[in-house]
Amino acid sequence: MAKEPEPPRADFEQEALEGKGLVTGDLEKGRWLFAQPCDFLRGSTSVENLPPPGAPEICFAGRSNVGKSSLINALTGRNTLARTSNTPGRTKELNFFTLGPKGYPALMLVDLPGYGYARETRSRVEQWTKLVMAYLRGRVELQRVLVLIDSRHGLKDSDHDVMKLMDEAAVSFQVVLTKIDKLKAGELEKTMEEVRAGVRRHVAAHPTIIATSSEKGTGIAELRAEIALLADPEAFRYKSKGE
C-alpha cells in the first residue's frame, strides 16, 4: 500500500499558536477588544492601594527584561502605554490599565514587577514578592496570570518558583513565549517542547502555550483571542457578523 503523503507543515506564523480550538471568530473578537480604549488607571505599591473590585483582570508576570511592556504595547497597539526600558527591573509597582468602554471596562490589564533580577537588594526583592503574592492570592477578579518566558533562555528556577506559588494559591496561569524572532530557524519547536515538559509539572497551568514576537507581531492575534475569552461579555458589546 502506498504511503500516504504527510500533511503540509504549518508555516511559522501558524505554529506560533500551540492550542487548539481558536477559530476565526475568536480572532476577530480579540481584535475588537483590543481596538477599544485602553488607559492607565493606577500604579499600586501596596495591597491597600489596589483599585476597587470591578472588571475581570489579566496580569502579566515574568523575569525582568522578558519583554512585558513591549508585549502589552503590541497587544494594545499603543507604543507608549506601558513603559519600556533597557534597564531591567524598572517596573516597581503593580500597574493597572482599563480596556473597554469608558467607565465600564471589559477587562483590566495588570503589569506586575519583574522578578529574578540579581542586582536588586534582597529587601527590595522581598518587598516586591510580598506585594505580588498578596495580589495573586487575594484578588478575586483575577482570571489568569500570563507568565512570560524569554524563548531564548527557556524556563529558569525563578519561573518555576513563581509557578509553584500559583499552584499553591490555585491561580490559573498560562505561559507566553516572547522574542521568538530572536531564535534561529528550527529552534522554536525545540523550545516549545522543553517549555511544555516543564509546565506539565504545575497543576495550575493552562495547557495552551503561545509564542509571540512583539517586534514582528507573531502570535499577537492569537493571544488577544485567548484574553478576549475572559473579558466581561456585557461590557464587551461584541457581536459577530452573523448576529
C-alpha atoms as a PDB file:
ATOM      1  CA  MET A   1       0.000   0.000   0.000  1.00  0.00           C
ATOM      2  CA  ALA A   2       1.384   3.373  -0.949  1.00  0.00           C
ATOM      3  CA  LYS A   3       2.364   5.589   1.937  1.00  0.00           C
ATOM      4  CA  GLU A   4       0.008   8.494   2.418  1.00  0.00           C
ATOM      5  CA  PRO A   5       1.646  11.866   1.947  1.00  0.00           C
ATOM      6  CA  GLU A   6       2.353  13.803   5.113  1.00  0.00           C
ATOM      7  CA  PRO A   7       0.126  16.827   5.726  1.00  0.00           C
ATOM      8  CA  PRO A   8       1.727  20.142   4.798  1.00  0.00           C
ATOM      9  CA  ARG A   9       3.711  21.704   7.637  1.00  0.00           C
ATOM     10  CA  ALA A  10       2.167  24.855   9.082  1.00  0.00           C
ATOM     11  CA  ASP A  11       4.148  27.981   8.422  1.00  0.00           C
ATOM     12  CA  PHE A  12       5.937  29.941  11.145  1.00  0.00           C
ATOM     13  CA  GLU A  13       3.017  32.245  11.867  1.00  0.00           C
ATOM     14  CA  GLN A  14       0.570  29.359  12.344  1.00  0.00           C
ATOM     15  CA  GLU A  15       2.970  27.425  14.539  1.00  0.00           C
ATOM     16  CA  ALA A  16       3.055  30.334  16.989  1.00  0.00           C
ATOM     17  CA  LEU A  17      -0.198  29.001  18.445  1.00  0.00           C
ATOM     18  CA  GLU A  18       0.049  25.602  20.091  1.00  0.00           C
ATOM     19  CA  GLY A  19      -3.508  25.442  21.408  1.00  0.00           C
ATOM     20  CA  LYS A  20      -6.450  24.048  19.504  1.00  0.00           C
ATOM     21  CA  GLY A  21      -9.954  25.453  19.367  1.00  0.00           C
ATOM     22  CA  LEU A  22      -9.421  29.106  18.440  1.00  0.00           C
ATOM     23  CA  VAL A  23     -11.334  29.930  15.287  1.00  0.00           C
ATOM     24  CA  THR A  24     -11.678  32.947  13.034  1.00  0.00           C
ATOM     25  CA  GLY A  25     -14.483  34.349  15.181  1.00  0.00           C
ATOM     26  CA  ASP A  26     -12.277  34.231  18.282  1.00  0.00           C
ATOM     27  CA  LEU A  27      -9.526  36.113  16.477  1.00  0.00           C
ATOM     28  CA  GLU A  28     -11.985  38.798  15.397  1.00  0.00           C
ATOM     29  CA  LYS A  29     -13.298  39.066  18.949  1.00  0.00           C
ATOM     30  CA  GLY A  30      -9.749  39.595  20.190  1.00  0.00           C
ATOM     31  CA  ARG A  31      -9.124  42.256  17.566  1.00  0.00           C
ATOM     32  CA  TRP A  32     -12.336  44.035  18.564  1.00  0.00           C
ATOM     33  CA  LEU A  33     -11.481  44.008  22.267  1.00  0.00           C
ATOM     34  CA  PHE A  34      -8.012  45.453  21.842  1.00  0.00           C
ATOM     35  CA  ALA A  35      -9.305  48.133  19.486  1.00  0.00           C
ATOM     36  CA  GLN A  36     -11.258  49.579  22.446  1.00  0.00           C
ATOM     37  CA  PRO A  37      -9.955  52.445  24.618  1.00  0.00           C
ATOM     38  CA  CYS A  38      -7.078  51.414  26.883  1.00  0.00           C
ATOM     39  CA  ASP A  39      -5.924  53.780  29.614  1.00  0.00           C
ATOM     40  CA  PHE A  40      -3.562  53.749  32.555  1.00  0.00           C
ATOM     41  CA  LEU A  41      -5.592  53.641  35.777  1.00  0.00           C
ATOM     42  CA  ARG A  42      -3.226  53.372  38.717  1.00  0.00           C
ATOM     43  CA  GLY A  43       0.143  52.211  39.952  1.00  0.00           C
ATOM     44  CA  SER A  44      -0.067  50.412  43.290  1.00  0.00           C
ATOM     45  CA  THR A  45       2.789  49.832  45.720  1.00  0.00           C
ATOM     46  CA  SER A  46       0.670  48.226  48.447  1.00  0.00           C
ATOM     47  CA  VAL A  47      -2.346  45.958  48.734  1.00  0.00           C
ATOM     48  CA  GLU A  48      -4.238  48.796  50.384  1.00  0.00           C
ATOM     49  CA  ASN A  49      -3.794  50.930  47.263  1.00  0.00           C
ATOM     50  CA  LEU A  50      -5.197  48.399  44.784  1.00  0.00           C
ATOM     51  CA  PRO A  51      -8.163  49.548  42.641  1.00  0.00           C
ATOM     52  CA  PRO A  52     -11.588  48.548  43.961  1.00  0.00           C
ATOM     53  CA  PRO A  53     -13.100  45.304  42.619  1.00  0.00           C
ATOM     54  CA  GLY A  54     -14.584  45.590  39.164  1.00  0.00           C
ATOM     55  CA  ALA A  55     -13.785  44.146  35.756  1.00  0.00           C
ATOM     56  CA  PRO A  56     -12.081  40.766  35.256  1.00  0.00           C
ATOM     57  CA  GLU A  57      -8.303  41.038  35.472  1.00  0.00           C
ATOM     58  CA  ILE A  58      -5.463  39.517  33.447  1.00  0.00           C
ATOM     59  CA  CYS A  59      -1.966  40.080  34.740  1.00  0.00           C
ATOM     60  CA  PHE A  60       1.447  39.823  33.087  1.00  0.00           C
ATOM     61  CA  ALA A  61       4.321  38.300  35.057  1.00  0.00           C
ATOM     62  CA  GLY A  62       7.854  37.393  34.103  1.00  0.00           C
ATOM     63  CA  ARG A  63      11.538  37.804  34.735  1.00  0.00           C
ATOM     64  CA  SER A  64      12.954  41.290  34.409  1.00  0.00           C
ATOM     65  CA  ASN A  65      13.731  42.182  30.776  1.00  0.00           C
ATOM     66  CA  VAL A  66      11.456  39.425  29.437  1.00  0.00           C
ATOM     67  CA  GLY A  67       9.520  41.959  27.356  1.00  0.00           C
ATOM     68  CA  LYS A  68       6.327  42.524  29.367  1.00  0.00           C
ATOM     69  CA  SER A  69       5.944  46.191  28.483  1.00  0.00           C
ATOM     70  CA  SER A  70       6.672  45.535  24.818  1.00  0.00           C
ATOM     71  CA  LEU A  71       4.054  42.765  24.723  1.00  0.00           C
ATOM     72  CA  ILE A  72       1.389  44.936  26.380  1.00  0.00           C
ATOM     73  CA  ASN A  73       2.116  47.705  23.880  1.00  0.00           C
ATOM     74  CA  ALA A  74       1.900  45.235  20.981  1.00  0.00           C
ATOM     75  CA  LEU A  75      -1.412  43.814  22.211  1.00  0.00           C
ATOM     76  CA  THR A  76      -2.998  47.240  22.594  1.00  0.00           C
ATOM     77  CA  GLY A  77      -1.370  48.760  19.526  1.00  0.00           C
ATOM     78  CA  ARG A  78      -0.047  51.635  21.589  1.00  0.00           C
ATOM     79  CA  ASN A  79       3.691  52.181  21.587  1.00  0.00           C
ATOM     80  CA  THR A  80       3.901  54.097  24.860  1.00  0.00           C
ATOM     81  CA  LEU A  81       1.100  52.648  27.007  1.00  0.00           C
ATOM     82  CA  ALA A  82       3.463  50.551  29.120  1.00  0.00           C
ATOM     83  CA  ARG A  83       6.917  51.991  29.665  1.00  0.00           C
ATOM     84  CA  THR A  84       9.844  50.068  28.250  1.00  0.00           C
ATOM     85  CA  SER A  85      13.443  50.386  29.356  1.00  0.00           C
ATOM     86  CA  ASN A  86      16.876  48.945  28.662  1.00  0.00           C
ATOM     87  CA  THR A  87      17.306  48.764  32.442  1.00  0.00           C
ATOM     88  CA  PRO A  88      15.797  45.516  33.802  1.00  0.00           C
ATOM     89  CA  GLY A  89      13.523  45.847  36.810  1.00  0.00           C
ATOM     90  CA  ARG A  90      12.243  49.346  36.081  1.00  0.00           C
ATOM     91  CA  THR A  91       8.642  48.449  36.954  1.00  0.00           C
ATOM     92  CA  LYS A  92       8.452  48.624  40.747  1.00  0.00           C
ATOM     93  CA  GLU A  93       4.702  48.638  41.230  1.00  0.00           C
ATOM     94  CA  LEU A  94       1.533  46.944  40.015  1.00  0.00           C
ATOM     95  CA  ASN A  95       0.343  48.987  37.043  1.00  0.00           C
ATOM     96  CA  PHE A  96      -3.359  48.745  36.155  1.00  0.00           C
ATOM     97  CA  PHE A  97      -4.814  49.548  32.715  1.00  0.00           C
ATOM     98  CA  THR A  98      -8.513  49.593  31.800  1.00  0.00           C
ATOM     99  CA  LEU A  99      -9.547  48.080  28.474  1.00  0.00           C
ATOM    100  CA  GLY A 100     -13.004  48.718  27.053  1.00  0.00           C
ATOM    101  CA  PRO A 101     -15.724  51.374  27.078  1.00  0.00           C
ATOM    102  CA  LYS A 102     -15.067  54.416  29.260  1.00  0.00           C
ATOM    103  CA  GLY A 103     -16.460  53.889  32.740  1.00  0.00           C
ATOM    104  CA  TYR A 104     -17.381  50.253  32.040  1.00  0.00           C
ATOM    105  CA  PRO A 105     -14.197  48.358  31.094  1.00  0.00           C
ATOM    106  CA  ALA A 106     -14.459  44.818  29.836  1.00  0.00           C
ATOM    107  CA  LEU A 107     -11.066  43.909  31.241  1.00  0.00           C
ATOM    108  CA  MET A 108      -8.265  45.141  33.463  1.00  0.00           C
ATOM    109  CA  LEU A 109      -4.653  44.534  32.390  1.00  0.00           C
ATOM    110  CA  VAL A 110      -2.122  44.367  35.226  1.00  0.00           C
ATOM    111  CA  ASP A 111       1.633  44.696  34.700  1.00  0.00           C
ATOM    112  CA  LEU A 112       3.466  43.047  37.610  1.00  0.00           C
ATOM    113  CA  PRO A 113       7.018  43.921  38.719  1.00  0.00           C
ATOM    114  CA  GLY A 114       9.629  41.693  37.119  1.00  0.00           C
ATOM    115  CA  TYR A 115      11.327  39.008  39.165  1.00  0.00           C
ATOM    116  CA  GLY A 116      14.723  37.300  39.086  1.00  0.00           C
ATOM    117  CA  TYR A 117      16.868  40.416  38.680  1.00  0.00           C
ATOM    118  CA  ALA A 118      20.044  39.766  40.699  1.00  0.00           C
ATOM    119  CA  ARG A 119      21.190  43.402  41.056  1.00  0.00           C
ATOM    120  CA  GLU A 120      18.284  44.402  43.272  1.00  0.00           C
ATOM    121  CA  THR A 121      18.777  44.342  47.038  1.00  0.00           C
ATOM    122  CA  ARG A 122      17.276  41.466  48.986  1.00  0.00           C
ATOM    123  CA  SER A 123      14.944  43.832  50.844  1.00  0.00           C
ATOM    124  CA  ARG A 124      13.566  45.223  47.574  1.00  0.00           C
ATOM    125  CA  VAL A 125      13.060  41.741  46.174  1.00  0.00           C
ATOM    126  CA  GLU A 126      11.261  40.655  49.334  1.00  0.00           C
ATOM    127  CA  GLN A 127       9.093  43.790  49.226  1.00  0.00           C
ATOM    128  CA  TRP A 128       8.067  43.194  45.596  1.00  0.00           C
ATOM    129  CA  THR A 129       7.497  39.489  46.206  1.00  0.00           C
ATOM    130  CA  LYS A 130       5.274  40.161  49.192  1.00  0.00           C
ATOM    131  CA  LEU A 131       3.172  42.658  47.219  1.00  0.00           C
ATOM    132  CA  VAL A 132       2.826  40.454  44.140  1.00  0.00           C
ATOM    133  CA  MET A 133       1.987  37.309  46.075  1.00  0.00           C
ATOM    134  CA  ALA A 134      -0.587  39.146  48.178  1.00  0.00           C
ATOM    135  CA  TYR A 135      -2.219  40.320  44.948  1.00  0.00           C
ATOM    136  CA  LEU A 136      -2.145  36.883  43.323  1.00  0.00           C
ATOM    137  CA  ARG A 137      -3.623  35.118  46.333  1.00  0.00           C
ATOM    138  CA  GLY A 138      -6.255  37.641  47.293  1.00  0.00           C
ATOM    139  CA  ARG A 139      -7.607  39.155  44.075  1.00  0.00           C
ATOM    140  CA  VAL A 140     -10.987  37.597  43.318  1.00  0.00           C
ATOM    141  CA  GLU A 141     -11.213  39.397  39.959  1.00  0.00           C
ATOM    142  CA  LEU A 142      -8.001  37.784  38.692  1.00  0.00           C
ATOM    143  CA  GLN A 143      -8.885  35.405  35.870  1.00  0.00           C
ATOM    144  CA  ARG A 144      -5.436  34.339  34.687  1.00  0.00           C
ATOM    145  CA  VAL A 145      -1.760  35.131  35.022  1.00  0.00           C
ATOM    146  CA  LEU A 146       0.230  35.270  31.791  1.00  0.00           C
ATOM    147  CA  VAL A 147       3.740  34.090  32.652  1.00  0.00           C
ATOM    148  CA  LEU A 148       6.153  35.416  30.037  1.00  0.00           C
ATOM    149  CA  ILE A 149       9.212  33.335  29.216  1.00  0.00           C
ATOM    150  CA  ASP A 150      12.070  34.563  27.038  1.00  0.00           C
ATOM    151  CA  SER A 151      12.199  31.955  24.265  1.00  0.00           C
ATOM    152  CA  ARG A 152      15.986  32.307  24.027  1.00  0.00           C
ATOM    153  CA  HIS A 153      16.501  31.171  27.620  1.00  0.00           C
ATOM    154  CA  GLY A 154      13.552  28.895  28.426  1.00  0.00           C
ATOM    155  CA  LEU A 155      12.302  28.140  31.942  1.00  0.00           C
ATOM    156  CA  LYS A 156      14.511  29.211  34.837  1.00  0.00           C
ATOM    157  CA  ASP A 157      14.360  28.252  38.516  1.00  0.00           C
ATOM    158  CA  SER A 158      12.737  31.599  39.344  1.00  0.00           C
ATOM    159  CA  ASP A 159       9.954  30.853  36.832  1.00  0.00           C
ATOM    160  CA  HIS A 160       9.253  27.502  38.481  1.00  0.00           C
ATOM    161  CA  ASP A 161       9.263  29.195  41.906  1.00  0.00           C
ATOM    162  CA  VAL A 162       6.543  31.613  40.795  1.00  0.00           C
ATOM    163  CA  MET A 163       4.549  28.812  39.155  1.00  0.00           C
ATOM    164  CA  LYS A 164       4.724  26.768  42.376  1.00  0.00           C
ATOM    165  CA  LEU A 165       3.285  29.698  44.304  1.00  0.00           C
ATOM    166  CA  MET A 166       0.406  29.876  41.817  1.00  0.00           C
ATOM    167  CA  ASP A 167      -0.126  26.127  42.164  1.00  0.00           C
ATOM    168  CA  GLU A 168      -0.418  26.579  45.919  1.00  0.00           C
ATOM    169  CA  ALA A 169      -2.757  29.556  45.575  1.00  0.00           C
ATOM    170  CA  ALA A 170      -4.847  27.800  42.881  1.00  0.00           C
ATOM    171  CA  VAL A 171      -4.318  30.713  40.481  1.00  0.00           C
ATOM    172  CA  SER A 172      -4.582  29.734  36.817  1.00  0.00           C
ATOM    173  CA  PHE A 173      -1.607  30.743  34.692  1.00  0.00           C
ATOM    174  CA  GLN A 174      -0.667  30.477  31.033  1.00  0.00           C
ATOM    175  CA  VAL A 175       2.828  30.550  29.544  1.00  0.00           C
ATOM    176  CA  VAL A 176       3.591  33.015  26.753  1.00  0.00           C
ATOM    177  CA  LEU A 177       6.943  32.800  24.967  1.00  0.00           C
ATOM    178  CA  THR A 178       8.445  36.147  23.977  1.00  0.00           C
ATOM    179  CA  LYS A 179      11.078  37.298  21.455  1.00  0.00           C
ATOM    180  CA  ILE A 180      10.753  34.311  19.134  1.00  0.00           C
ATOM    181  CA  ASP A 181      12.051  36.478  16.292  1.00  0.00           C
ATOM    182  CA  LYS A 182      15.448  36.210  18.003  1.00  0.00           C
ATOM    183  CA  LEU A 183      15.548  32.417  17.565  1.00  0.00           C
ATOM    184  CA  LYS A 184      17.384  30.739  14.735  1.00  0.00           C
ATOM    185  CA  ALA A 185      15.474  28.603  12.254  1.00  0.00           C
ATOM    186  CA  GLY A 186      14.293  25.354  13.835  1.00  0.00           C
ATOM    187  CA  GLU A 187      14.817  26.448  17.451  1.00  0.00           C
ATOM    188  CA  LEU A 188      11.189  27.336  18.204  1.00  0.00           C
ATOM    189  CA  GLU A 189       9.899  23.756  18.096  1.00  0.00           C
ATOM    190  CA  LYS A 190      12.656  22.551  20.456  1.00  0.00           C
ATOM    191  CA  THR A 191      11.975  25.410  22.861  1.00  0.00           C
ATOM    192  CA  MET A 192       8.238  24.707  22.812  1.00  0.00           C
ATOM    193  CA  GLU A 193       8.846  21.046  23.652  1.00  0.00           C
ATOM    194  CA  GLU A 194      11.148  21.885  26.567  1.00  0.00           C
ATOM    195  CA  VAL A 195       8.807  24.511  27.998  1.00  0.00           C
ATOM    196  CA  ARG A 196       5.788  22.252  27.535  1.00  0.00           C
ATOM    197  CA  ALA A 197       7.506  19.495  29.506  1.00  0.00           C
ATOM    198  CA  GLY A 198       8.373  21.913  32.312  1.00  0.00           C
ATOM    199  CA  VAL A 199       4.885  23.383  32.514  1.00  0.00           C
ATOM    200  CA  ARG A 200       3.336  19.926  32.950  1.00  0.00           C
ATOM    201  CA  ARG A 201       4.841  19.859  36.428  1.00  0.00           C
ATOM    202  CA  HIS A 202       2.391  22.544  37.557  1.00  0.00           C
ATOM    203  CA  VAL A 203      -1.269  21.806  38.292  1.00  0.00           C
ATOM    204  CA  ALA A 204      -2.435  25.417  37.792  1.00  0.00           C
ATOM    205  CA  ALA A 205      -1.006  25.670  34.275  1.00  0.00           C
ATOM    206  CA  HIS A 206      -3.247  26.322  31.277  1.00  0.00           C
ATOM    207  CA  PRO A 207      -2.433  23.782  28.530  1.00  0.00           C
ATOM    208  CA  THR A 208      -2.045  26.328  25.716  1.00  0.00           C
ATOM    209  CA  ILE A 209       1.385  27.881  25.210  1.00  0.00           C
ATOM    210  CA  ILE A 210       1.513  30.848  22.846  1.00  0.00           C
ATOM    211  CA  ALA A 211       4.731  32.007  21.196  1.00  0.00           C
ATOM    212  CA  THR A 212       4.985  35.690  20.345  1.00  0.00           C
ATOM    213  CA  SER A 213       7.160  38.377  18.886  1.00  0.00           C
ATOM    214  CA  SER A 214       6.240  41.939  19.830  1.00  0.00           C
ATOM    215  CA  GLU A 215       8.545  43.211  17.105  1.00  0.00           C
ATOM    216  CA  LYS A 216       7.163  41.053  14.268  1.00  0.00           C
ATOM    217  CA  GLY A 217       3.593  40.703  15.557  1.00  0.00           C
ATOM    218  CA  THR A 218       3.731  36.901  15.580  1.00  0.00           C
ATOM    219  CA  GLY A 219       1.169  35.311  17.918  1.00  0.00           C
ATOM    220  CA  ILE A 220      -0.350  38.658  18.956  1.00  0.00           C
ATOM    221  CA  ALA A 221      -3.742  37.977  17.324  1.00  0.00           C
ATOM    222  CA  GLU A 222      -3.925  34.553  18.970  1.00  0.00           C
ATOM    223  CA  LEU A 223      -3.045  35.929  22.404  1.00  0.00           C
ATOM    224  CA  ARG A 224      -5.661  38.665  22.009  1.00  0.00           C
ATOM    225  CA  ALA A 225      -8.230  35.955  21.236  1.00  0.00           C
ATOM    226  CA  GLU A 226      -7.291  33.966  24.348  1.00  0.00           C
ATOM    227  CA  ILE A 227      -7.588  37.054  26.540  1.00  0.00           C
ATOM    228  CA  ALA A 228     -10.906  38.115  24.972  1.00  0.00           C
ATOM    229  CA  LEU A 229     -12.483  34.836  26.117  1.00  0.00           C
ATOM    230  CA  LEU A 230     -12.031  36.068  29.717  1.00  0.00           C
ATOM    231  CA  ALA A 231     -13.445  39.591  29.287  1.00  0.00           C
ATOM    232  CA  ASP A 232     -16.771  40.764  30.692  1.00  0.00           C
ATOM    233  CA  PRO A 233     -19.223  39.916  27.862  1.00  0.00           C
ATOM    234  CA  GLU A 234     -21.724  42.610  28.868  1.00  0.00           C
ATOM    235  CA  ALA A 235     -19.108  45.362  28.813  1.00  0.00           C
ATOM    236  CA  PHE A 236     -17.542  43.826  25.736  1.00  0.00           C
ATOM    237  CA  ARG A 237     -20.502  44.637  23.431  1.00  0.00           C
ATOM    238  CA  TYR A 238     -19.103  42.478  20.668  1.00  0.00           C
ATOM    239  CA  LYS A 239     -21.379  40.910  18.064  1.00  0.00           C
ATOM    240  CA  SER A 240     -20.222  38.627  15.316  1.00  0.00           C
ATOM    241  CA  LYS A 241     -21.192  39.386  11.730  1.00  0.00           C
ATOM    242  CA  GLY A 242     -23.866  36.688  11.852  1.00  0.00           C
ATOM    243  CA  GLU A 243     -25.666  38.139  14.882  1.00  0.00           C
END
